[in-house]
């Protein structure tokens, strides 16, 4: 059993935490993850107790307390950051053509209908603009033709249901990846997106999320991934969709 010492360490109030994930990218040590819809400390020795995550919590659920805890271990942090994103292969970065074993996650290129001029486009046209499958961020490959000179759309899961013109006005001409910043463990997403951004010729990234506070965490994930990849040249667009289905 690791020796404990009295020191400062973060404390998460689960009753206040809404699982938005905004604290995760701000923790450079990777000590925080969203598990079962709540932010949780992965291990005491990964937390330096400085509280860099405090200012990113919109609910005020994170504080720094002084209590007996394992000593902060920089070597453990480095080992933790170098591990694969998750032991679950569905969260591990995959090379082009790989999938997690489920036939539904096999990589496939689709043939979307040609984009129409704005005046002719209609949300009731029924034409899909989806150009590839799968679309879940945990399942898309890290490299491959879908990322070549791509304009990328990272969409929160609820956006396509709320926004009636999703295919025509957001998806057309873009490579899509979807994720839920509230219910998913977003830590692996930062690492995977950073790999995608650093290893491919990405031109721009549009982040589409709902107006509810917990959904904006996906913006922080993408920002952290761009910074980690060192891709200052990527143009980032932030799109907020209201629950009434209109872009704000």
C-alpha atoms as a PDB file:
ATOM      1  CA  UNK A   1       0.000   0.000   0.000  1.00  0.00           C
ATOM      2  CA  UNK A   2       1.355   3.405  -0.991  1.00  0.00           C
ATOM      3  CA  UNK A   3       2.420   5.713   1.820  1.00  0.00           C
ATOM      4  CA  UNK A   4       0.112   8.663   2.354  1.00  0.00           C
ATOM      5  CA  UNK A   5       0.979  12.175   3.429  1.00  0.00           C
ATOM      6  CA  UNK A   6      -1.150  15.174   4.293  1.00  0.00           C
ATOM      7  CA  UNK A   7      -1.173  17.436   1.255  1.00  0.00           C
ATOM      8  CA  UNK A   8      -3.424  19.424  -1.051  1.00  0.00           C
ATOM      9  CA  UNK A   9      -5.466  17.446  -3.556  1.00  0.00           C
ATOM     10  CA  UNK A  10      -8.620  18.073  -5.586  1.00  0.00           C
ATOM     11  CA  UNK A  11     -12.021  17.040  -4.300  1.00  0.00           C
ATOM     12  CA  UNK A  12     -15.051  16.542  -6.552  1.00  0.00           C
ATOM     13  CA  UNK A  13     -18.548  17.047  -5.195  1.00  0.00           C
ATOM     14  CA  UNK A  14     -20.533  14.437  -7.134  1.00  0.00           C
ATOM     15  CA  UNK A  15     -23.853  16.078  -6.280  1.00  0.00           C
ATOM     16  CA  UNK A  16     -22.762  19.306  -7.994  1.00  0.00           C
ATOM     17  CA  UNK A  17     -20.912  17.671 -10.917  1.00  0.00           C
ATOM     18  CA  UNK A  18     -22.992  17.499 -14.097  1.00  0.00           C
ATOM     19  CA  UNK A  19     -20.412  15.490 -16.045  1.00  0.00           C
ATOM     20  CA  UNK A  20     -19.762  18.219 -18.622  1.00  0.00           C
ATOM     21  CA  UNK A  21     -16.067  17.268 -18.896  1.00  0.00           C
ATOM     22  CA  UNK A  22     -14.743  20.833 -19.076  1.00  0.00           C
ATOM     23  CA  UNK A  23     -12.274  20.083 -16.272  1.00  0.00           C
ATOM     24  CA  UNK A  24     -10.660  17.135 -18.089  1.00  0.00           C
ATOM     25  CA  UNK A  25      -8.624  18.958 -20.791  1.00  0.00           C
ATOM     26  CA  UNK A  26      -7.316  21.473 -18.223  1.00  0.00           C
ATOM     27  CA  UNK A  27      -5.632  18.718 -16.207  1.00  0.00           C
ATOM     28  CA  UNK A  28      -2.216  18.329 -17.829  1.00  0.00           C
ATOM     29  CA  UNK A  29      -1.540  15.221 -15.756  1.00  0.00           C
ATOM     30  CA  UNK A  30      -4.604  13.371 -17.051  1.00  0.00           C
ATOM     31  CA  UNK A  31      -5.767  12.795 -13.481  1.00  0.00           C
ATOM     32  CA  UNK A  32      -9.436  13.496 -14.234  1.00  0.00           C
ATOM     33  CA  UNK A  33     -11.848  11.490 -16.340  1.00  0.00           C
ATOM     34  CA  UNK A  34     -15.601  11.345 -16.858  1.00  0.00           C
ATOM     35  CA  UNK A  35     -16.727   7.970 -15.519  1.00  0.00           C
ATOM     36  CA  UNK A  36     -20.386   6.990 -15.192  1.00  0.00           C
ATOM     37  CA  UNK A  37     -21.389  10.559 -16.021  1.00  0.00           C
ATOM     38  CA  UNK A  38     -19.286  12.200 -13.291  1.00  0.00           C
ATOM     39  CA  UNK A  39     -15.787  13.696 -13.125  1.00  0.00           C
ATOM     40  CA  UNK A  40     -13.534  11.450 -11.082  1.00  0.00           C
ATOM     41  CA  UNK A  41      -9.930  11.432  -9.895  1.00  0.00           C
ATOM     42  CA  UNK A  42      -8.192   8.520 -11.635  1.00  0.00           C
ATOM     43  CA  UNK A  43      -5.459   8.191  -9.003  1.00  0.00           C
ATOM     44  CA  UNK A  44      -4.251  10.339  -6.110  1.00  0.00           C
ATOM     45  CA  UNK A  45      -0.606  10.250  -7.196  1.00  0.00           C
ATOM     46  CA  UNK A  46      -1.537  11.848 -10.551  1.00  0.00           C
ATOM     47  CA  UNK A  47      -2.971  15.003  -8.948  1.00  0.00           C
ATOM     48  CA  UNK A  48      -0.502  17.786  -8.133  1.00  0.00           C
ATOM     49  CA  UNK A  49      -3.097  19.629  -6.046  1.00  0.00           C
ATOM     50  CA  UNK A  50      -2.554  22.946  -7.838  1.00  0.00           C
ATOM     51  CA  UNK A  51      -6.174  23.082  -8.975  1.00  0.00           C
ATOM     52  CA  UNK A  52      -5.753  24.061 -12.634  1.00  0.00           C
ATOM     53  CA  UNK A  53      -9.126  22.402 -13.228  1.00  0.00           C
ATOM     54  CA  UNK A  54     -11.065  24.580 -10.772  1.00  0.00           C
ATOM     55  CA  UNK A  55     -11.709  27.505 -13.066  1.00  0.00           C
ATOM     56  CA  UNK A  56     -13.125  25.283 -15.802  1.00  0.00           C
ATOM     57  CA  UNK A  57     -15.924  23.781 -13.705  1.00  0.00           C
ATOM     58  CA  UNK A  58     -19.172  25.690 -14.401  1.00  0.00           C
ATOM     59  CA  UNK A  59     -20.867  23.998 -11.433  1.00  0.00           C
ATOM     60  CA  UNK A  60     -18.233  24.783  -8.792  1.00  0.00           C
ATOM     61  CA  UNK A  61     -17.980  21.059  -8.079  1.00  0.00           C
ATOM     62  CA  UNK A  62     -14.172  20.989  -7.761  1.00  0.00           C
ATOM     63  CA  UNK A  63     -12.253  22.293  -4.767  1.00  0.00           C
ATOM     64  CA  UNK A  64      -8.798  21.749  -3.324  1.00  0.00           C
ATOM     65  CA  UNK A  65      -8.707  20.189   0.104  1.00  0.00           C
ATOM     66  CA  UNK A  66      -5.896  19.167   2.438  1.00  0.00           C
ATOM     67  CA  UNK A  67      -6.054  15.539   3.525  1.00  0.00           C
ATOM     68  CA  UNK A  68      -3.986  12.334   3.674  1.00  0.00           C
ATOM     69  CA  UNK A  69      -3.268  11.254   0.093  1.00  0.00           C
ATOM     70  CA  UNK A  70      -0.621   9.468  -1.950  1.00  0.00           C
ATOM     71  CA  UNK A  71       2.323  11.694  -2.829  1.00  0.00           C
ATOM     72  CA  UNK A  72       2.278  13.325  -6.261  1.00  0.00           C
ATOM     73  CA  UNK A  73       4.450  11.225  -8.590  1.00  0.00           C
ATOM     74  CA  UNK A  74       5.730  12.873 -11.789  1.00  0.00           C
ATOM     75  CA  UNK A  75       7.087   9.573 -13.090  1.00  0.00           C
ATOM     76  CA  UNK A  76       3.662   7.968 -12.634  1.00  0.00           C
ATOM     77  CA  UNK A  77       2.125  10.891 -14.531  1.00  0.00           C
ATOM     78  CA  UNK A  78       4.480  10.365 -17.493  1.00  0.00           C
ATOM     79  CA  UNK A  79       3.723   6.654 -17.568  1.00  0.00           C
ATOM     80  CA  UNK A  80       0.002   7.398 -17.347  1.00  0.00           C
ATOM     81  CA  UNK A  81       0.116   9.874 -20.253  1.00  0.00           C
ATOM     82  CA  UNK A  82       2.063   7.457 -22.435  1.00  0.00           C
ATOM     83  CA  UNK A  83      -0.412   4.616 -22.019  1.00  0.00           C
ATOM     84  CA  UNK A  84      -2.953   3.923 -24.777  1.00  0.00           C
ATOM     85  CA  UNK A  85      -6.081   6.015 -24.438  1.00  0.00           C
ATOM     86  CA  UNK A  86      -8.004   3.114 -22.930  1.00  0.00           C
ATOM     87  CA  UNK A  87      -7.586  -0.623 -22.486  1.00  0.00           C
ATOM     88  CA  UNK A  88     -10.918  -0.924 -24.306  1.00  0.00           C
ATOM     89  CA  UNK A  89     -10.035  -1.210 -27.986  1.00  0.00           C
ATOM     90  CA  UNK A  90     -13.071   0.854 -28.906  1.00  0.00           C
ATOM     91  CA  UNK A  91     -11.342   3.879 -27.354  1.00  0.00           C
ATOM     92  CA  UNK A  92      -7.835   3.126 -28.623  1.00  0.00           C
ATOM     93  CA  UNK A  93      -6.618   5.000 -31.730  1.00  0.00           C
ATOM     94  CA  UNK A  94      -7.121   2.788 -34.752  1.00  0.00           C
ATOM     95  CA  UNK A  95      -5.258   2.818 -38.015  1.00  0.00           C
ATOM     96  CA  UNK A  96      -7.093   3.011 -41.324  1.00  0.00           C
ATOM     97  CA  UNK A  97      -9.112  -0.121 -42.018  1.00  0.00           C
ATOM     98  CA  UNK A  98      -9.153  -1.399 -38.432  1.00  0.00           C
ATOM     99  CA  UNK A  99     -12.292  -1.773 -36.367  1.00  0.00           C
ATOM    100  CA  UNK A 100     -13.142  -3.030 -32.904  1.00  0.00           C
ATOM    101  CA  UNK A 101     -14.601  -6.374 -33.983  1.00  0.00           C
ATOM    102  CA  UNK A 102     -18.234  -5.308 -34.426  1.00  0.00           C
ATOM    103  CA  UNK A 103     -19.294  -5.608 -38.105  1.00  0.00           C
ATOM    104  CA  UNK A 104     -21.163  -2.328 -37.779  1.00  0.00           C
ATOM    105  CA  UNK A 105     -17.943  -0.458 -37.031  1.00  0.00           C
ATOM    106  CA  UNK A 106     -16.150  -1.589 -40.206  1.00  0.00           C
ATOM    107  CA  UNK A 107     -14.796   1.434 -42.097  1.00  0.00           C
ATOM    108  CA  UNK A 108     -16.800   2.178 -45.233  1.00  0.00           C
ATOM    109  CA  UNK A 109     -16.734   5.022 -47.733  1.00  0.00           C
ATOM    110  CA  UNK A 110     -20.186   6.259 -48.802  1.00  0.00           C
ATOM    111  CA  UNK A 111     -21.390   8.293 -51.771  1.00  0.00           C
ATOM    112  CA  UNK A 112     -23.383  11.259 -50.495  1.00  0.00           C
ATOM    113  CA  UNK A 113     -25.595  13.215 -52.840  1.00  0.00           C
ATOM    114  CA  UNK A 114     -23.961  16.246 -54.414  1.00  0.00           C
ATOM    115  CA  UNK A 115     -24.394  19.396 -52.358  1.00  0.00           C
ATOM    116  CA  UNK A 116     -27.076  21.727 -53.679  1.00  0.00           C
ATOM    117  CA  UNK A 117     -26.869  25.521 -53.892  1.00  0.00           C
ATOM    118  CA  UNK A 118     -28.186  27.140 -50.680  1.00  0.00           C
ATOM    119  CA  UNK A 119     -31.338  28.367 -52.452  1.00  0.00           C
ATOM    120  CA  UNK A 120     -32.200  24.877 -53.679  1.00  0.00           C
ATOM    121  CA  UNK A 121     -31.284  23.024 -50.519  1.00  0.00           C
ATOM    122  CA  UNK A 122     -34.127  21.870 -48.328  1.00  0.00           C
ATOM    123  CA  UNK A 123     -34.191  20.090 -44.987  1.00  0.00           C
ATOM    124  CA  UNK A 124     -36.945  17.896 -46.431  1.00  0.00           C
ATOM    125  CA  UNK A 125     -34.914  16.746 -49.454  1.00  0.00           C
ATOM    126  CA  UNK A 126     -34.011  13.500 -47.713  1.00  0.00           C
ATOM    127  CA  UNK A 127     -30.511  13.469 -49.249  1.00  0.00           C
ATOM    128  CA  UNK A 128     -27.777  12.269 -46.921  1.00  0.00           C
ATOM    129  CA  UNK A 129     -24.455  14.144 -46.925  1.00  0.00           C
ATOM    130  CA  UNK A 130     -22.684  11.484 -44.883  1.00  0.00           C
ATOM    131  CA  UNK A 131     -19.486  10.452 -46.690  1.00  0.00           C
ATOM    132  CA  UNK A 132     -18.132   7.691 -44.439  1.00  0.00           C
ATOM    133  CA  UNK A 133     -18.940   5.166 -41.721  1.00  0.00           C
ATOM    134  CA  UNK A 134     -18.492   4.784 -38.745  1.00  0.00           C
ATOM    135  CA  UNK A 135     -18.970   8.247 -37.299  1.00  0.00           C
ATOM    136  CA  UNK A 136     -18.521   7.733 -33.546  1.00  0.00           C
ATOM    137  CA  UNK A 137     -15.254   9.356 -32.442  1.00  0.00           C
ATOM    138  CA  UNK A 138     -14.196   6.215 -30.599  1.00  0.00           C
ATOM    139  CA  UNK A 139     -14.507   4.201 -33.822  1.00  0.00           C
ATOM    140  CA  UNK A 140     -13.236   6.416 -36.653  1.00  0.00           C
ATOM    141  CA  UNK A 141      -9.680   5.608 -37.839  1.00  0.00           C
ATOM    142  CA  UNK A 142      -6.794   7.920 -36.953  1.00  0.00           C
ATOM    143  CA  UNK A 143      -5.521   8.057 -40.528  1.00  0.00           C
ATOM    144  CA  UNK A 144      -7.014   7.428 -43.957  1.00  0.00           C
ATOM    145  CA  UNK A 145      -8.630   9.132 -46.943  1.00  0.00           C
ATOM    146  CA  UNK A 146     -11.446  10.661 -44.891  1.00  0.00           C
ATOM    147  CA  UNK A 147      -8.916  13.023 -43.293  1.00  0.00           C
ATOM    148  CA  UNK A 148      -7.010  14.100 -46.433  1.00  0.00           C
ATOM    149  CA  UNK A 149      -7.382  17.882 -46.901  1.00  0.00           C
ATOM    150  CA  UNK A 150     -10.501  17.548 -44.793  1.00  0.00           C
ATOM    151  CA  UNK A 151     -12.887  20.008 -43.276  1.00  0.00           C
ATOM    152  CA  UNK A 152     -13.909  18.198 -40.100  1.00  0.00           C
ATOM    153  CA  UNK A 153     -17.190  18.365 -38.202  1.00  0.00           C
ATOM    154  CA  UNK A 154     -17.096  17.297 -34.542  1.00  0.00           C
ATOM    155  CA  UNK A 155     -20.723  17.134 -33.418  1.00  0.00           C
ATOM    156  CA  UNK A 156     -22.251  16.409 -30.046  1.00  0.00           C
ATOM    157  CA  UNK A 157     -24.609  13.429 -30.261  1.00  0.00           C
ATOM    158  CA  UNK A 158     -27.803  15.464 -29.852  1.00  0.00           C
ATOM    159  CA  UNK A 159     -27.085  18.045 -32.552  1.00  0.00           C
ATOM    160  CA  UNK A 160     -28.360  16.052 -35.574  1.00  0.00           C
ATOM    161  CA  UNK A 161     -31.651  15.426 -33.766  1.00  0.00           C
ATOM    162  CA  UNK A 162     -32.172  19.056 -32.787  1.00  0.00           C
ATOM    163  CA  UNK A 163     -31.005  20.804 -35.955  1.00  0.00           C
ATOM    164  CA  UNK A 164     -33.284  20.019 -38.936  1.00  0.00           C
ATOM    165  CA  UNK A 165     -30.815  21.248 -41.576  1.00  0.00           C
ATOM    166  CA  UNK A 166     -27.896  19.285 -40.135  1.00  0.00           C
ATOM    167  CA  UNK A 167     -27.016  17.456 -43.365  1.00  0.00           C
ATOM    168  CA  UNK A 168     -27.211  20.443 -45.692  1.00  0.00           C
ATOM    169  CA  UNK A 169     -25.853  23.247 -43.566  1.00  0.00           C
ATOM    170  CA  UNK A 170     -23.372  21.505 -41.257  1.00  0.00           C
ATOM    171  CA  UNK A 171     -22.404  18.092 -42.646  1.00  0.00           C
ATOM    172  CA  UNK A 172     -22.157  18.632 -46.413  1.00  0.00           C
ATOM    173  CA  UNK A 173     -18.536  18.351 -47.564  1.00  0.00           C
ATOM    174  CA  UNK A 174     -17.171  17.479 -44.128  1.00  0.00           C
ATOM    175  CA  UNK A 175     -15.691  14.473 -42.347  1.00  0.00           C
ATOM    176  CA  UNK A 176     -17.869  13.719 -39.337  1.00  0.00           C
ATOM    177  CA  UNK A 177     -17.109  12.450 -35.840  1.00  0.00           C
ATOM    178  CA  UNK A 178     -19.689  12.462 -33.052  1.00  0.00           C
ATOM    179  CA  UNK A 179     -19.307  12.234 -29.281  1.00  0.00           C
ATOM    180  CA  UNK A 180     -21.152  13.028 -26.070  1.00  0.00           C
ATOM    181  CA  UNK A 181     -19.147  15.293 -23.724  1.00  0.00           C
ATOM    182  CA  UNK A 182     -21.488  14.520 -20.826  1.00  0.00           C
ATOM    183  CA  UNK A 183     -21.786  10.716 -20.871  1.00  0.00           C
ATOM    184  CA  UNK A 184     -18.543   9.665 -22.597  1.00  0.00           C
ATOM    185  CA  UNK A 185     -15.101   9.466 -21.013  1.00  0.00           C
ATOM    186  CA  UNK A 186     -13.601  12.394 -22.935  1.00  0.00           C
ATOM    187  CA  UNK A 187      -9.967  11.881 -21.882  1.00  0.00           C
ATOM    188  CA  UNK A 188      -9.257   9.409 -24.720  1.00  0.00           C
ATOM    189  CA  UNK A 189     -10.926  11.781 -27.175  1.00  0.00           C
ATOM    190  CA  UNK A 190      -8.322  14.498 -26.580  1.00  0.00           C
ATOM    191  CA  UNK A 191      -5.530  12.036 -27.293  1.00  0.00           C
ATOM    192  CA  UNK A 192      -7.238  10.565 -30.350  1.00  0.00           C
ATOM    193  CA  UNK A 193      -8.130  13.917 -31.900  1.00  0.00           C
ATOM    194  CA  UNK A 194      -4.589  15.152 -31.287  1.00  0.00           C
ATOM    195  CA  UNK A 195      -3.306  12.129 -33.225  1.00  0.00           C
ATOM    196  CA  UNK A 196      -5.778  12.808 -36.043  1.00  0.00           C
ATOM    197  CA  UNK A 197      -4.840  16.486 -36.231  1.00  0.00           C
ATOM    198  CA  UNK A 198      -1.089  15.850 -36.142  1.00  0.00           C
ATOM    199  CA  UNK A 199      -0.998  13.004 -38.660  1.00  0.00           C
ATOM    200  CA  UNK A 200      -3.352  14.313 -41.347  1.00  0.00           C
ATOM    201  CA  UNK A 201      -3.871  17.344 -43.578  1.00  0.00           C
ATOM    202  CA  UNK A 202      -6.824  18.820 -41.699  1.00  0.00           C
ATOM    203  CA  UNK A 203      -7.886  22.222 -43.023  1.00  0.00           C
ATOM    204  CA  UNK A 204     -10.602  23.247 -40.598  1.00  0.00           C
ATOM    205  CA  UNK A 205     -12.655  21.945 -37.683  1.00  0.00           C
ATOM    206  CA  UNK A 206     -16.242  22.892 -36.923  1.00  0.00           C
ATOM    207  CA  UNK A 207     -17.513  21.985 -33.457  1.00  0.00           C
ATOM    208  CA  UNK A 208     -21.296  21.760 -33.213  1.00  0.00           C
ATOM    209  CA  UNK A 209     -22.849  21.439 -29.763  1.00  0.00           C
ATOM    210  CA  UNK A 210     -26.094  22.116 -27.950  1.00  0.00           C
ATOM    211  CA  UNK A 211     -26.747  25.255 -25.903  1.00  0.00           C
ATOM    212  CA  UNK A 212     -26.890  23.324 -22.602  1.00  0.00           C
ATOM    213  CA  UNK A 213     -23.766  23.887 -20.425  1.00  0.00           C
ATOM    214  CA  UNK A 214     -22.640  20.262 -20.267  1.00  0.00           C
ATOM    215  CA  UNK A 215     -22.461  20.071 -24.064  1.00  0.00           C
ATOM    216  CA  UNK A 216     -19.913  22.870 -24.456  1.00  0.00           C
ATOM    217  CA  UNK A 217     -17.273  20.558 -23.013  1.00  0.00           C
ATOM    218  CA  UNK A 218     -16.708  19.177 -26.501  1.00  0.00           C
ATOM    219  CA  UNK A 219     -15.280  22.550 -27.543  1.00  0.00           C
ATOM    220  CA  UNK A 220     -12.658  22.289 -24.789  1.00  0.00           C
ATOM    221  CA  UNK A 221     -11.792  18.777 -25.947  1.00  0.00           C
ATOM    222  CA  UNK A 222     -11.134  19.945 -29.511  1.00  0.00           C
ATOM    223  CA  UNK A 223      -9.183  23.006 -28.360  1.00  0.00           C
ATOM    224  CA  UNK A 224      -6.986  20.834 -26.143  1.00  0.00           C
ATOM    225  CA  UNK A 225      -6.396  18.370 -28.992  1.00  0.00           C
ATOM    226  CA  UNK A 226      -5.402  21.123 -31.432  1.00  0.00           C
ATOM    227  CA  UNK A 227      -2.982  22.543 -28.862  1.00  0.00           C
ATOM    228  CA  UNK A 228      -1.532  19.100 -28.138  1.00  0.00           C
ATOM    229  CA  UNK A 229      -1.066  18.473 -31.866  1.00  0.00           C
ATOM    230  CA  UNK A 230       0.648  21.840 -32.300  1.00  0.00           C
ATOM    231  CA  UNK A 231      -1.676  22.695 -35.206  1.00  0.00           C
ATOM    232  CA  UNK A 232      -2.135  26.445 -34.878  1.00  0.00           C
ATOM    233  CA  UNK A 233      -2.977  26.578 -38.585  1.00  0.00           C
ATOM    234  CA  UNK A 234      -6.278  24.719 -38.170  1.00  0.00           C
ATOM    235  CA  UNK A 235      -9.268  27.050 -38.466  1.00  0.00           C
ATOM    236  CA  UNK A 236     -11.753  26.361 -35.640  1.00  0.00           C
ATOM    237  CA  UNK A 237     -15.461  27.215 -35.898  1.00  0.00           C
ATOM    238  CA  UNK A 238     -17.790  26.992 -32.888  1.00  0.00           C
ATOM    239  CA  UNK A 239     -21.492  26.394 -33.642  1.00  0.00           C
ATOM    240  CA  UNK A 240     -24.101  26.411 -30.883  1.00  0.00           C
ATOM    241  CA  UNK A 241     -27.502  24.849 -31.582  1.00  0.00           C
ATOM    242  CA  UNK A 242     -30.459  25.784 -29.411  1.00  0.00           C
ATOM    243  CA  UNK A 243     -32.868  23.178 -28.137  1.00  0.00           C
ATOM    244  CA  UNK A 244     -35.424  24.881 -30.377  1.00  0.00           C
ATOM    245  CA  UNK A 245     -33.400  23.712 -33.381  1.00  0.00           C
ATOM    246  CA  UNK A 246     -31.966  27.071 -34.372  1.00  0.00           C
ATOM    247  CA  UNK A 247     -28.291  28.082 -34.546  1.00  0.00           C
ATOM    248  CA  UNK A 248     -27.558  30.746 -31.953  1.00  0.00           C
END
